[in-house]
């Protein structure tokens, strides 16, 4: 499935389809929404804000998943910590996720020729060290939330 198919399926698999979603998205006509997600339509296109709203309303994240897959990335659910609404926690989790993506790309590149050089090992050590720092800070912040 590609990104356009994901948008089409998100609308058409939703209970009530475009008829139910168009008014909730602020789109005047279900036909317009259908055109926007139709991969064969050249004149109407769903924009980023509409795609985001569509995912929010439906709880269907196939568009996001296909975008990530297209770019070799993944999305993770952020933890819900109702006792502590500190945005620093969210930032730390996102930083770790982004750093984790770097380690996967670096590992793939490092293993491409079937051997590991001294320079590649040093580069990997730097990324691992950075992730250790992020995890240590995350642990500290989580423990602060519990103590409050």
N, C-alpha and C. Protein backbone atom coordinates (compact mmCIF):
# COMPACT_ATOMS: atom_id res chain seq x y z
N UNK A 1 0.86 -1.18 0.00
CA UNK A 1 0.00 0.00 0.00
C UNK A 1 0.90 1.23 0.00
N UNK A 2 0.55 2.23 -0.80
CA UNK A 2 1.31 3.48 -0.80
C UNK A 2 0.57 4.54 0.02
N UNK A 3 1.14 5.73 0.09
CA UNK A 3 0.58 6.80 0.91
C UNK A 3 -0.81 7.21 0.43
N UNK A 4 -0.99 7.32 -0.88
CA UNK A 4 -2.29 7.71 -1.41
C UNK A 4 -3.35 6.65 -1.14
N UNK A 5 -2.97 5.39 -1.27
CA UNK A 5 -3.90 4.30 -0.94
C UNK A 5 -4.27 4.34 0.54
N UNK A 6 -3.31 4.66 1.38
CA UNK A 6 -3.57 4.73 2.82
C UNK A 6 -4.61 5.81 3.12
N UNK A 7 -4.49 6.97 2.47
CA UNK A 7 -5.47 8.04 2.68
C UNK A 7 -6.85 7.61 2.20
N UNK A 8 -6.89 7.00 1.02
CA UNK A 8 -8.16 6.52 0.46
C UNK A 8 -8.81 5.51 1.41
N UNK A 9 -8.02 4.53 1.86
CA UNK A 9 -8.56 3.49 2.74
C UNK A 9 -8.97 4.03 4.10
N UNK A 10 -8.25 5.02 4.58
CA UNK A 10 -8.61 5.63 5.87
C UNK A 10 -10.01 6.21 5.80
N UNK A 11 -10.31 6.91 4.73
CA UNK A 11 -11.64 7.51 4.58
C UNK A 11 -12.69 6.44 4.34
N UNK A 12 -12.42 5.52 3.43
CA UNK A 12 -13.45 4.56 3.03
C UNK A 12 -13.66 3.43 4.03
N UNK A 13 -12.69 3.16 4.89
CA UNK A 13 -12.87 2.13 5.92
C UNK A 13 -13.53 2.69 7.18
N UNK A 14 -13.62 4.00 7.29
CA UNK A 14 -14.24 4.63 8.45
C UNK A 14 -15.75 4.44 8.39
N UNK A 15 -16.36 4.17 9.53
CA UNK A 15 -17.81 3.98 9.61
C UNK A 15 -18.52 5.22 9.06
N UNK A 16 -19.22 5.08 7.97
CA UNK A 16 -19.91 6.20 7.33
C UNK A 16 -19.09 6.86 6.24
N UNK A 17 -17.81 6.51 6.13
CA UNK A 17 -16.95 6.99 5.06
C UNK A 17 -16.88 8.51 4.95
N UNK A 18 -16.79 8.99 3.74
CA UNK A 18 -16.67 10.43 3.48
C UNK A 18 -17.90 11.20 3.95
N UNK A 19 -19.06 10.55 3.91
CA UNK A 19 -20.29 11.22 4.37
C UNK A 19 -20.19 11.61 5.84
N UNK A 20 -19.59 10.74 6.64
CA UNK A 20 -19.45 11.03 8.06
C UNK A 20 -18.26 11.95 8.34
N UNK A 21 -17.18 11.78 7.59
CA UNK A 21 -15.95 12.52 7.89
C UNK A 21 -15.93 13.95 7.35
N UNK A 22 -16.47 14.17 6.17
CA UNK A 22 -16.37 15.50 5.53
C UNK A 22 -16.85 16.62 6.45
N UNK A 23 -18.04 16.53 7.04
CA UNK A 23 -18.48 17.63 7.91
C UNK A 23 -17.59 17.82 9.13
N UNK A 24 -17.10 16.72 9.68
CA UNK A 24 -16.23 16.81 10.86
C UNK A 24 -14.88 17.43 10.52
N UNK A 25 -14.47 17.33 9.26
CA UNK A 25 -13.20 17.89 8.82
C UNK A 25 -13.36 19.32 8.30
N UNK A 26 -14.60 19.79 8.23
CA UNK A 26 -14.84 21.13 7.70
C UNK A 26 -14.79 21.19 6.19
N UNK A 27 -15.00 20.05 5.55
CA UNK A 27 -15.06 19.98 4.09
C UNK A 27 -16.52 19.99 3.69
N UNK A 28 -16.89 20.89 2.78
CA UNK A 28 -18.29 21.13 2.46
C UNK A 28 -19.04 19.93 1.92
N UNK A 29 -18.34 19.10 1.16
CA UNK A 29 -19.04 18.02 0.48
C UNK A 29 -18.28 16.71 0.61
N UNK A 30 -18.98 15.60 0.88
CA UNK A 30 -18.33 14.30 0.88
C UNK A 30 -17.67 13.99 -0.47
N UNK A 31 -18.24 14.51 -1.55
CA UNK A 31 -17.66 14.28 -2.88
C UNK A 31 -16.28 14.92 -2.98
N UNK A 32 -16.10 16.08 -2.36
CA UNK A 32 -14.80 16.75 -2.37
C UNK A 32 -13.78 15.92 -1.61
N UNK A 33 -14.18 15.41 -0.43
CA UNK A 33 -13.27 14.56 0.34
C UNK A 33 -12.92 13.31 -0.45
N UNK A 34 -13.91 12.69 -1.07
CA UNK A 34 -13.65 11.52 -1.90
C UNK A 34 -12.65 11.84 -3.00
N UNK A 35 -12.81 13.01 -3.63
CA UNK A 35 -11.87 13.41 -4.69
C UNK A 35 -10.47 13.63 -4.13
N UNK A 36 -10.38 14.23 -2.95
CA UNK A 36 -9.08 14.52 -2.35
C UNK A 36 -8.28 13.26 -2.03
N UNK A 37 -8.97 12.18 -1.71
CA UNK A 37 -8.26 10.94 -1.35
C UNK A 37 -8.23 9.92 -2.49
N UNK A 38 -8.85 10.27 -3.61
CA UNK A 38 -8.84 9.37 -4.75
C UNK A 38 -7.47 9.46 -5.44
N UNK A 39 -6.70 8.36 -5.46
CA UNK A 39 -5.36 8.41 -6.07
C UNK A 39 -5.38 8.73 -7.56
N UNK A 40 -6.54 8.59 -8.20
CA UNK A 40 -6.63 8.84 -9.64
C UNK A 40 -7.09 10.26 -9.98
N UNK A 41 -7.39 11.06 -8.97
CA UNK A 41 -7.86 12.43 -9.20
C UNK A 41 -6.66 13.37 -9.24
N UNK A 42 -6.61 14.18 -10.28
CA UNK A 42 -5.49 15.10 -10.46
C UNK A 42 -5.78 16.51 -9.92
N UNK A 43 -7.06 16.83 -9.72
CA UNK A 43 -7.43 18.21 -9.41
C UNK A 43 -7.54 18.50 -7.91
N UNK A 44 -7.83 17.53 -7.10
CA UNK A 44 -7.98 17.73 -5.66
C UNK A 44 -6.95 16.88 -4.94
N UNK A 45 -6.36 17.44 -3.87
CA UNK A 45 -5.39 16.68 -3.09
C UNK A 45 -5.58 16.98 -1.61
N UNK A 46 -5.42 15.98 -0.79
CA UNK A 46 -5.48 16.18 0.65
C UNK A 46 -4.18 16.88 1.09
N UNK A 47 -4.30 17.90 1.94
CA UNK A 47 -3.09 18.58 2.40
C UNK A 47 -2.66 18.01 3.75
N UNK A 48 -1.52 18.46 4.25
CA UNK A 48 -0.97 17.90 5.49
C UNK A 48 -1.89 18.11 6.69
N UNK A 49 -2.49 19.29 6.79
CA UNK A 49 -3.39 19.54 7.92
C UNK A 49 -4.62 18.64 7.85
N UNK A 50 -5.12 18.43 6.65
CA UNK A 50 -6.28 17.54 6.48
C UNK A 50 -5.90 16.09 6.79
N UNK A 51 -4.72 15.68 6.38
CA UNK A 51 -4.27 14.32 6.69
C UNK A 51 -4.14 14.14 8.19
N UNK A 52 -3.61 15.14 8.87
CA UNK A 52 -3.47 15.07 10.32
C UNK A 52 -4.84 15.01 10.99
N UNK A 53 -5.75 15.85 10.55
CA UNK A 53 -7.12 15.87 11.10
C UNK A 53 -7.81 14.53 10.84
N UNK A 54 -7.60 13.97 9.65
CA UNK A 54 -8.19 12.68 9.29
C UNK A 54 -7.70 11.58 10.24
N UNK A 55 -6.41 11.57 10.54
CA UNK A 55 -5.88 10.57 11.47
C UNK A 55 -6.42 10.80 12.87
N UNK A 56 -6.52 12.06 13.28
CA UNK A 56 -7.03 12.39 14.60
C UNK A 56 -8.49 11.93 14.76
N UNK A 57 -9.30 12.19 13.76
CA UNK A 57 -10.72 11.84 13.84
C UNK A 57 -10.96 10.33 13.77
N UNK A 58 -10.18 9.65 12.95
CA UNK A 58 -10.43 8.22 12.73
C UNK A 58 -9.63 7.31 13.66
N UNK A 59 -8.53 7.84 14.21
CA UNK A 59 -7.64 6.98 14.99
C UNK A 59 -6.90 5.99 14.10
N UNK A 60 -6.92 6.23 12.82
CA UNK A 60 -6.29 5.36 11.82
C UNK A 60 -5.01 6.04 11.35
N UNK A 61 -3.88 5.41 11.59
CA UNK A 61 -2.59 6.04 11.31
C UNK A 61 -1.86 5.40 10.13
N UNK A 62 -2.62 4.81 9.21
CA UNK A 62 -1.97 4.21 8.03
C UNK A 62 -1.24 5.25 7.19
N UNK A 63 -1.75 6.46 7.12
CA UNK A 63 -1.06 7.51 6.35
C UNK A 63 0.32 7.76 6.97
N UNK A 64 0.36 7.93 8.27
CA UNK A 64 1.61 8.16 8.97
C UNK A 64 2.55 6.96 8.82
N UNK A 65 2.01 5.77 8.95
CA UNK A 65 2.83 4.56 8.82
C UNK A 65 3.43 4.45 7.43
N UNK A 66 2.66 4.77 6.41
CA UNK A 66 3.17 4.69 5.04
C UNK A 66 4.20 5.79 4.77
N UNK A 67 3.97 6.99 5.31
CA UNK A 67 4.97 8.05 5.19
C UNK A 67 6.28 7.62 5.84
N UNK A 68 6.18 7.07 7.03
CA UNK A 68 7.38 6.59 7.73
C UNK A 68 8.07 5.51 6.93
N UNK A 69 7.32 4.54 6.47
CA UNK A 69 7.92 3.44 5.71
C UNK A 69 8.61 3.95 4.45
N UNK A 70 7.99 4.91 3.80
CA UNK A 70 8.56 5.49 2.59
C UNK A 70 9.93 6.12 2.85
N UNK A 71 10.08 6.69 4.05
CA UNK A 71 11.32 7.38 4.40
C UNK A 71 12.23 6.55 5.30
N UNK A 72 11.87 5.27 5.51
CA UNK A 72 12.71 4.41 6.34
C UNK A 72 12.69 4.78 7.81
N UNK A 73 11.57 5.27 8.28
CA UNK A 73 11.42 5.70 9.68
C UNK A 73 10.29 4.92 10.34
N UNK A 74 10.16 5.09 11.64
CA UNK A 74 9.05 4.51 12.38
C UNK A 74 8.50 5.57 13.33
N UNK A 75 7.27 5.40 13.71
CA UNK A 75 6.65 6.26 14.72
C UNK A 75 6.35 5.40 15.93
N UNK A 76 6.49 5.98 17.11
CA UNK A 76 6.17 5.26 18.33
C UNK A 76 5.13 6.06 19.12
N UNK A 77 4.33 5.37 19.87
CA UNK A 77 3.39 6.04 20.75
C UNK A 77 4.15 6.60 21.94
N UNK A 78 3.87 7.85 22.28
CA UNK A 78 4.49 8.43 23.45
C UNK A 78 3.77 7.93 24.69
N UNK A 79 4.50 7.79 25.78
CA UNK A 79 3.86 7.30 27.00
C UNK A 79 2.88 8.33 27.55
N UNK A 80 1.81 7.85 28.10
CA UNK A 80 0.84 8.72 28.76
C UNK A 80 1.13 8.67 30.24
N UNK A 81 1.60 9.79 30.79
CA UNK A 81 1.93 9.85 32.21
C UNK A 81 1.08 10.95 32.83
N UNK A 82 -0.14 10.62 33.27
CA UNK A 82 -1.05 11.66 33.73
C UNK A 82 -0.56 12.39 34.98
N UNK A 83 0.26 11.74 35.81
CA UNK A 83 0.72 12.38 37.03
C UNK A 83 1.74 13.48 36.75
N UNK A 84 2.37 13.43 35.60
CA UNK A 84 3.43 14.38 35.30
C UNK A 84 3.27 14.86 33.86
N UNK A 85 2.87 16.07 33.69
CA UNK A 85 2.62 16.62 32.35
C UNK A 85 3.83 17.42 31.85
N UNK A 86 4.99 17.04 32.26
CA UNK A 86 6.22 17.74 31.91
C UNK A 86 6.59 17.47 30.45
N UNK A 87 6.70 18.53 29.66
CA UNK A 87 7.07 18.35 28.25
C UNK A 87 8.51 17.89 28.10
N UNK A 88 9.32 18.05 29.13
CA UNK A 88 10.70 17.57 29.07
C UNK A 88 10.73 16.06 28.86
N UNK A 89 9.78 15.34 29.46
CA UNK A 89 9.72 13.89 29.26
C UNK A 89 9.45 13.55 27.80
N UNK A 90 8.49 14.23 27.23
CA UNK A 90 8.17 14.00 25.83
C UNK A 90 9.37 14.29 24.95
N UNK A 91 10.04 15.41 25.23
CA UNK A 91 11.23 15.76 24.46
C UNK A 91 12.31 14.69 24.57
N UNK A 92 12.50 14.16 25.78
CA UNK A 92 13.51 13.12 25.98
C UNK A 92 13.17 11.85 25.22
N UNK A 93 11.91 11.46 25.26
CA UNK A 93 11.49 10.26 24.53
C UNK A 93 11.67 10.46 23.03
N UNK A 94 11.30 11.64 22.54
CA UNK A 94 11.49 11.92 21.12
C UNK A 94 12.96 11.94 20.75
N UNK A 95 13.80 12.53 21.61
CA UNK A 95 15.23 12.54 21.34
C UNK A 95 15.80 11.14 21.29
N UNK A 96 15.33 10.29 22.18
CA UNK A 96 15.81 8.91 22.16
C UNK A 96 15.35 8.21 20.88
N UNK A 97 14.09 8.43 20.51
CA UNK A 97 13.59 7.82 19.29
C UNK A 97 14.36 8.28 18.07
N UNK A 98 14.67 9.57 18.02
CA UNK A 98 15.44 10.08 16.89
C UNK A 98 16.87 9.56 16.93
N UNK A 99 17.45 9.48 18.11
CA UNK A 99 18.80 8.93 18.24
C UNK A 99 18.83 7.46 17.91
N UNK A 100 17.75 6.75 18.28
CA UNK A 100 17.65 5.33 17.95
C UNK A 100 17.60 5.12 16.46
N UNK A 101 16.92 6.03 15.75
CA UNK A 101 16.91 5.94 14.29
C UNK A 101 18.29 6.08 13.72
N UNK A 102 19.08 6.98 14.33
CA UNK A 102 20.46 7.17 13.87
C UNK A 102 21.28 5.89 14.05
N UNK A 103 21.07 5.20 15.16
CA UNK A 103 21.87 4.00 15.42
C UNK A 103 21.54 2.91 14.42
N UNK A 104 20.29 2.81 14.01
CA UNK A 104 19.91 1.79 13.03
C UNK A 104 20.52 2.10 11.67
N UNK A 105 20.44 3.37 11.27
CA UNK A 105 21.03 3.76 9.99
C UNK A 105 22.54 3.57 10.01
N UNK A 106 23.16 3.95 11.12
CA UNK A 106 24.61 3.79 11.25
C UNK A 106 25.01 2.32 11.21
N UNK A 107 24.25 1.48 11.90
CA UNK A 107 24.55 0.05 11.92
C UNK A 107 24.42 -0.54 10.51
N UNK A 108 23.37 -0.16 9.81
CA UNK A 108 23.18 -0.65 8.44
C UNK A 108 24.35 -0.25 7.55
N UNK A 109 24.75 1.02 7.67
CA UNK A 109 25.88 1.51 6.89
C UNK A 109 27.17 0.79 7.28
N UNK A 110 27.36 0.60 8.58
CA UNK A 110 28.56 -0.05 9.08
C UNK A 110 28.68 -1.48 8.58
N UNK A 111 27.56 -2.17 8.46
CA UNK A 111 27.57 -3.58 8.09
C UNK A 111 27.48 -3.80 6.58
N UNK A 112 27.36 -2.72 5.82
CA UNK A 112 27.16 -2.84 4.37
C UNK A 112 28.28 -3.62 3.68
N UNK A 113 29.51 -3.43 4.14
CA UNK A 113 30.62 -4.14 3.49
C UNK A 113 31.02 -5.41 4.23
N UNK A 114 30.27 -5.77 5.28
CA UNK A 114 30.52 -7.03 5.99
C UNK A 114 31.66 -6.97 7.00
N UNK A 115 32.20 -5.80 7.25
CA UNK A 115 33.26 -5.68 8.25
C UNK A 115 33.10 -4.36 9.00
N UNK A 116 33.73 -4.27 10.16
CA UNK A 116 33.64 -3.06 10.98
C UNK A 116 35.05 -2.49 11.14
N UNK A 117 35.19 -1.24 10.72
CA UNK A 117 36.49 -0.58 10.86
C UNK A 117 36.59 0.10 12.22
N UNK A 118 37.77 0.50 12.60
CA UNK A 118 38.00 1.21 13.86
C UNK A 118 37.18 2.51 13.88
N UNK A 119 37.18 3.24 12.78
CA UNK A 119 36.42 4.49 12.70
C UNK A 119 34.92 4.26 12.85
N UNK A 120 34.41 3.19 12.24
CA UNK A 120 32.98 2.87 12.37
C UNK A 120 32.64 2.51 13.82
N UNK A 121 33.53 1.79 14.48
CA UNK A 121 33.30 1.43 15.88
C UNK A 121 33.27 2.68 16.76
N UNK A 122 34.15 3.63 16.48
CA UNK A 122 34.17 4.88 17.24
C UNK A 122 32.89 5.68 17.00
N UNK A 123 32.45 5.76 15.75
CA UNK A 123 31.20 6.45 15.44
C UNK A 123 30.03 5.81 16.17
N UNK A 124 29.97 4.48 16.18
CA UNK A 124 28.89 3.76 16.86
C UNK A 124 28.94 4.02 18.37
N UNK A 125 30.15 4.04 18.92
CA UNK A 125 30.30 4.31 20.36
C UNK A 125 29.77 5.68 20.73
N UNK A 126 29.99 6.66 19.86
CA UNK A 126 29.48 8.02 20.12
C UNK A 126 27.95 8.03 20.17
N UNK A 127 27.33 7.36 19.22
CA UNK A 127 25.86 7.31 19.19
C UNK A 127 25.33 6.58 20.42
N UNK A 128 25.95 5.46 20.77
CA UNK A 128 25.52 4.69 21.95
C UNK A 128 25.68 5.53 23.21
N UNK A 129 26.79 6.24 23.33
CA UNK A 129 27.02 7.09 24.49
C UNK A 129 25.93 8.17 24.58
N UNK A 130 25.60 8.77 23.46
CA UNK A 130 24.55 9.78 23.43
C UNK A 130 23.21 9.21 23.90
N UNK A 131 22.91 8.00 23.46
CA UNK A 131 21.66 7.35 23.87
C UNK A 131 21.68 7.04 25.37
N UNK A 132 22.82 6.65 25.90
CA UNK A 132 22.94 6.41 27.35
C UNK A 132 22.64 7.68 28.13
N UNK A 133 23.15 8.80 27.64
CA UNK A 133 22.90 10.08 28.31
C UNK A 133 21.41 10.42 28.30
N UNK A 134 20.78 10.23 27.15
CA UNK A 134 19.35 10.52 27.04
C UNK A 134 18.55 9.61 27.98
N UNK A 135 18.88 8.32 28.00
CA UNK A 135 18.16 7.38 28.87
C UNK A 135 18.36 7.70 30.35
N UNK A 136 19.56 8.11 30.73
CA UNK A 136 19.83 8.47 32.12
C UNK A 136 18.99 9.69 32.52
N UNK A 137 18.92 10.67 31.63
CA UNK A 137 18.12 11.86 31.90
C UNK A 137 16.63 11.50 31.97
N UNK A 138 16.18 10.62 31.07
CA UNK A 138 14.79 10.19 31.08
C UNK A 138 14.45 9.48 32.39
N UNK A 139 15.32 8.61 32.84
CA UNK A 139 15.10 7.90 34.10
C UNK A 139 14.99 8.89 35.26
N UNK A 140 15.88 9.88 35.28
CA UNK A 140 15.86 10.88 36.34
C UNK A 140 14.54 11.67 36.32
N UNK A 141 14.10 12.08 35.13
CA UNK A 141 12.87 12.86 35.02
C UNK A 141 11.65 12.04 35.42
N UNK A 142 11.62 10.77 35.04
CA UNK A 142 10.50 9.90 35.43
C UNK A 142 10.44 9.74 36.94
N UNK A 143 11.60 9.53 37.56
CA UNK A 143 11.64 9.38 39.01
C UNK A 143 11.20 10.67 39.71
N UNK A 144 11.51 11.82 39.14
CA UNK A 144 11.05 13.09 39.71
C UNK A 144 9.53 13.18 39.67
N UNK A 145 8.93 12.65 38.62
CA UNK A 145 7.46 12.67 38.52
C UNK A 145 6.84 11.82 39.62
N UNK A 146 7.44 10.68 39.92
CA UNK A 146 6.92 9.78 40.95
C UNK A 146 7.02 10.43 42.32
N UNK A 147 8.12 11.13 42.56
CA UNK A 147 8.35 11.75 43.86
C UNK A 147 7.39 12.90 44.12
N UNK A 148 6.92 13.55 43.05
CA UNK A 148 5.99 14.67 43.21
C UNK A 148 4.68 14.11 43.63
